Amino acid sequence: MERTLSSDLLVDNSSKSATSLPLNILATLLLWQRRIVSRRQLARLDPRLLADAGISESQRYAELSKPFWR
């Protein structure tokens, strides 16, 4: 369901300095927030809009059943 920029694009993980830890934490928190918001939006879609997006009820249920960290 995640069709936005991934958090990997926000942070360069090639350097493992002490400053990268706060950035990784921030990127993770932002990713979790995007998942929560997008799943709330998915929950509000009516069957017609789900069909337009090519999402079945079982796919929606599977996505909504996931915790925000997955």
N, C-alpha and C. Protein backbone atom coordinates (compact mmCIF):
# COMPACT_ATOMS: atom_id res chain seq x y z
N MET A 1 0.81 -1.20 0.00
CA MET A 1 0.00 0.00 0.00
C MET A 1 0.85 1.26 0.00
N GLU A 2 2.07 1.16 0.42
CA GLU A 2 2.91 2.34 0.54
C GLU A 2 3.37 2.78 -0.84
N ARG A 3 2.84 3.91 -1.31
CA ARG A 3 3.20 4.41 -2.64
C ARG A 3 3.89 5.77 -2.56
N THR A 4 4.27 6.17 -1.37
CA THR A 4 4.98 7.43 -1.20
C THR A 4 6.47 7.15 -1.12
N LEU A 5 7.26 8.18 -1.01
CA LEU A 5 8.69 8.00 -0.89
C LEU A 5 9.00 7.21 0.37
N SER A 6 9.89 6.27 0.25
CA SER A 6 10.26 5.48 1.43
C SER A 6 11.23 6.27 2.28
N SER A 7 11.34 5.88 3.53
CA SER A 7 12.24 6.57 4.45
C SER A 7 13.69 6.35 4.04
N ASP A 8 13.98 5.30 3.25
CA ASP A 8 15.34 5.07 2.80
C ASP A 8 15.85 6.20 1.93
N LEU A 9 14.94 6.89 1.26
CA LEU A 9 15.34 8.00 0.41
C LEU A 9 15.63 9.26 1.21
N LEU A 10 15.15 9.32 2.44
CA LEU A 10 15.34 10.50 3.26
C LEU A 10 16.68 10.50 3.98
N VAL A 11 17.22 9.33 4.24
CA VAL A 11 18.43 9.22 5.05
C VAL A 11 19.45 8.39 4.30
N ASP A 12 20.68 8.89 4.26
CA ASP A 12 21.78 8.15 3.66
C ASP A 12 22.35 7.24 4.74
N ASN A 13 22.16 5.94 4.60
CA ASN A 13 22.61 4.98 5.60
C ASN A 13 24.05 4.53 5.39
N SER A 14 24.77 5.14 4.45
CA SER A 14 26.13 4.70 4.17
C SER A 14 27.09 5.12 5.28
N SER A 15 26.83 6.21 5.98
CA SER A 15 27.69 6.62 7.08
C SER A 15 27.00 6.30 8.39
N LYS A 16 27.73 5.65 9.29
CA LYS A 16 27.17 5.23 10.57
C LYS A 16 27.69 6.13 11.69
N SER A 17 27.54 7.42 11.55
CA SER A 17 28.01 8.35 12.57
C SER A 17 26.95 8.51 13.65
N ALA A 18 27.30 9.20 14.71
CA ALA A 18 26.38 9.42 15.83
C ALA A 18 25.21 10.29 15.42
N THR A 19 25.39 11.14 14.42
CA THR A 19 24.30 12.01 13.98
C THR A 19 23.26 11.26 13.15
N SER A 20 23.63 10.10 12.63
CA SER A 20 22.67 9.38 11.81
C SER A 20 21.60 8.69 12.66
N LEU A 21 21.87 8.40 13.91
CA LEU A 21 20.87 7.75 14.75
C LEU A 21 19.63 8.62 14.93
N PRO A 22 19.74 9.89 15.31
CA PRO A 22 18.52 10.71 15.41
C PRO A 22 17.78 10.84 14.08
N LEU A 23 18.51 10.90 12.98
CA LEU A 23 17.86 10.99 11.67
C LEU A 23 17.14 9.70 11.33
N ASN A 24 17.72 8.57 11.68
CA ASN A 24 17.06 7.28 11.44
C ASN A 24 15.81 7.15 12.29
N ILE A 25 15.88 7.61 13.52
CA ILE A 25 14.70 7.58 14.39
C ILE A 25 13.61 8.47 13.82
N LEU A 26 13.97 9.66 13.40
CA LEU A 26 12.99 10.58 12.81
C LEU A 26 12.37 9.99 11.55
N ALA A 27 13.20 9.41 10.69
CA ALA A 27 12.69 8.81 9.45
C ALA A 27 11.74 7.66 9.76
N THR A 28 12.05 6.88 10.77
CA THR A 28 11.18 5.77 11.15
C THR A 28 9.85 6.28 11.68
N LEU A 29 9.89 7.30 12.52
CA LEU A 29 8.66 7.88 13.05
C LEU A 29 7.79 8.46 11.95
N LEU A 30 8.41 9.12 10.99
CA LEU A 30 7.66 9.68 9.86
C LEU A 30 7.04 8.58 9.01
N LEU A 31 7.78 7.49 8.81
CA LEU A 31 7.24 6.36 8.06
C LEU A 31 6.03 5.77 8.78
N TRP A 32 6.13 5.59 10.09
CA TRP A 32 5.01 5.06 10.88
C TRP A 32 3.80 5.98 10.77
N GLN A 33 4.04 7.29 10.82
CA GLN A 33 2.94 8.24 10.73
C GLN A 33 2.26 8.15 9.37
N ARG A 34 3.05 8.04 8.29
CA ARG A 34 2.47 7.90 6.95
C ARG A 34 1.64 6.64 6.84
N ARG A 35 2.10 5.55 7.44
CA ARG A 35 1.34 4.30 7.41
C ARG A 35 0.01 4.46 8.13
N ILE A 36 0.03 5.10 9.29
CA ILE A 36 -1.21 5.30 10.05
C ILE A 36 -2.20 6.12 9.24
N VAL A 37 -1.74 7.21 8.65
CA VAL A 37 -2.61 8.10 7.87
C VAL A 37 -3.15 7.37 6.64
N SER A 38 -2.28 6.67 5.92
CA SER A 38 -2.74 6.01 4.70
C SER A 38 -3.72 4.88 5.01
N ARG A 39 -3.53 4.19 6.12
CA ARG A 39 -4.47 3.12 6.49
C ARG A 39 -5.80 3.70 6.95
N ARG A 40 -5.78 4.84 7.59
CA ARG A 40 -7.05 5.50 7.93
C ARG A 40 -7.80 5.91 6.68
N GLN A 41 -7.07 6.41 5.69
CA GLN A 41 -7.70 6.78 4.43
C GLN A 41 -8.25 5.55 3.72
N LEU A 42 -7.51 4.47 3.74
CA LEU A 42 -7.97 3.23 3.12
C LEU A 42 -9.23 2.71 3.80
N ALA A 43 -9.31 2.87 5.10
CA ALA A 43 -10.49 2.39 5.84
C ALA A 43 -11.74 3.17 5.46
N ARG A 44 -11.58 4.41 5.02
CA ARG A 44 -12.73 5.25 4.68
C ARG A 44 -13.22 5.08 3.25
N LEU A 45 -12.48 4.35 2.42
CA LEU A 45 -12.88 4.18 1.02
C LEU A 45 -14.12 3.30 0.90
N ASP A 46 -15.05 3.72 0.06
CA ASP A 46 -16.23 2.89 -0.18
C ASP A 46 -15.89 1.84 -1.24
N PRO A 47 -16.74 0.82 -1.40
CA PRO A 47 -16.44 -0.27 -2.34
C PRO A 47 -16.18 0.19 -3.77
N ARG A 48 -16.87 1.23 -4.21
CA ARG A 48 -16.65 1.73 -5.58
C ARG A 48 -15.23 2.27 -5.75
N LEU A 49 -14.78 3.05 -4.77
CA LEU A 49 -13.42 3.60 -4.85
C LEU A 49 -12.36 2.51 -4.71
N LEU A 50 -12.63 1.51 -3.89
CA LEU A 50 -11.71 0.38 -3.79
C LEU A 50 -11.58 -0.32 -5.14
N ALA A 51 -12.72 -0.54 -5.79
CA ALA A 51 -12.70 -1.19 -7.11
C ALA A 51 -11.93 -0.35 -8.12
N ASP A 52 -12.12 0.97 -8.07
CA ASP A 52 -11.39 1.86 -8.98
C ASP A 52 -9.88 1.77 -8.76
N ALA A 53 -9.48 1.58 -7.52
CA ALA A 53 -8.05 1.49 -7.19
C ALA A 53 -7.50 0.09 -7.39
N GLY A 54 -8.39 -0.87 -7.68
CA GLY A 54 -7.94 -2.25 -7.89
C GLY A 54 -7.62 -2.97 -6.60
N ILE A 55 -8.30 -2.60 -5.52
CA ILE A 55 -8.06 -3.20 -4.22
C ILE A 55 -9.29 -4.00 -3.81
N SER A 56 -9.09 -5.25 -3.45
CA SER A 56 -10.21 -6.08 -3.03
C SER A 56 -10.46 -5.86 -1.53
N GLU A 57 -11.62 -6.32 -1.08
CA GLU A 57 -11.94 -6.22 0.35
C GLU A 57 -10.95 -7.01 1.19
N SER A 58 -10.53 -8.17 0.70
CA SER A 58 -9.57 -8.98 1.47
C SER A 58 -8.21 -8.29 1.54
N GLN A 59 -7.79 -7.61 0.47
CA GLN A 59 -6.54 -6.87 0.50
C GLN A 59 -6.63 -5.71 1.49
N ARG A 60 -7.78 -5.04 1.49
CA ARG A 60 -7.96 -3.93 2.42
C ARG A 60 -7.91 -4.44 3.85
N TYR A 61 -8.61 -5.53 4.13
CA TYR A 61 -8.62 -6.09 5.47
C TYR A 61 -7.21 -6.49 5.90
N ALA A 62 -6.46 -7.11 4.99
CA ALA A 62 -5.08 -7.51 5.31
C ALA A 62 -4.22 -6.30 5.65
N GLU A 63 -4.37 -5.23 4.89
CA GLU A 63 -3.58 -4.02 5.14
C GLU A 63 -3.99 -3.36 6.45
N LEU A 64 -5.29 -3.30 6.71
CA LEU A 64 -5.77 -2.65 7.92
C LEU A 64 -5.46 -3.47 9.18
N SER A 65 -5.22 -4.75 9.02
CA SER A 65 -4.90 -5.61 10.15
C SER A 65 -3.45 -5.48 10.61
N LYS A 66 -2.62 -4.90 9.79
CA LYS A 66 -1.19 -4.78 10.12
C LYS A 66 -0.98 -3.72 11.19
N PRO A 67 -0.03 -3.94 12.09
CA PRO A 67 0.34 -2.87 13.02
C PRO A 67 1.11 -1.77 12.27
N PHE A 68 1.17 -0.60 12.84
CA PHE A 68 1.78 0.54 12.13
C PHE A 68 3.26 0.34 11.87
N TRP A 69 3.91 -0.53 12.60
CA TRP A 69 5.35 -0.70 12.41
C TRP A 69 5.67 -1.72 11.32
N ARG A 70 4.65 -2.32 10.71
CA ARG A 70 4.90 -3.25 9.59
C ARG A 70 4.23 -2.75 8.33
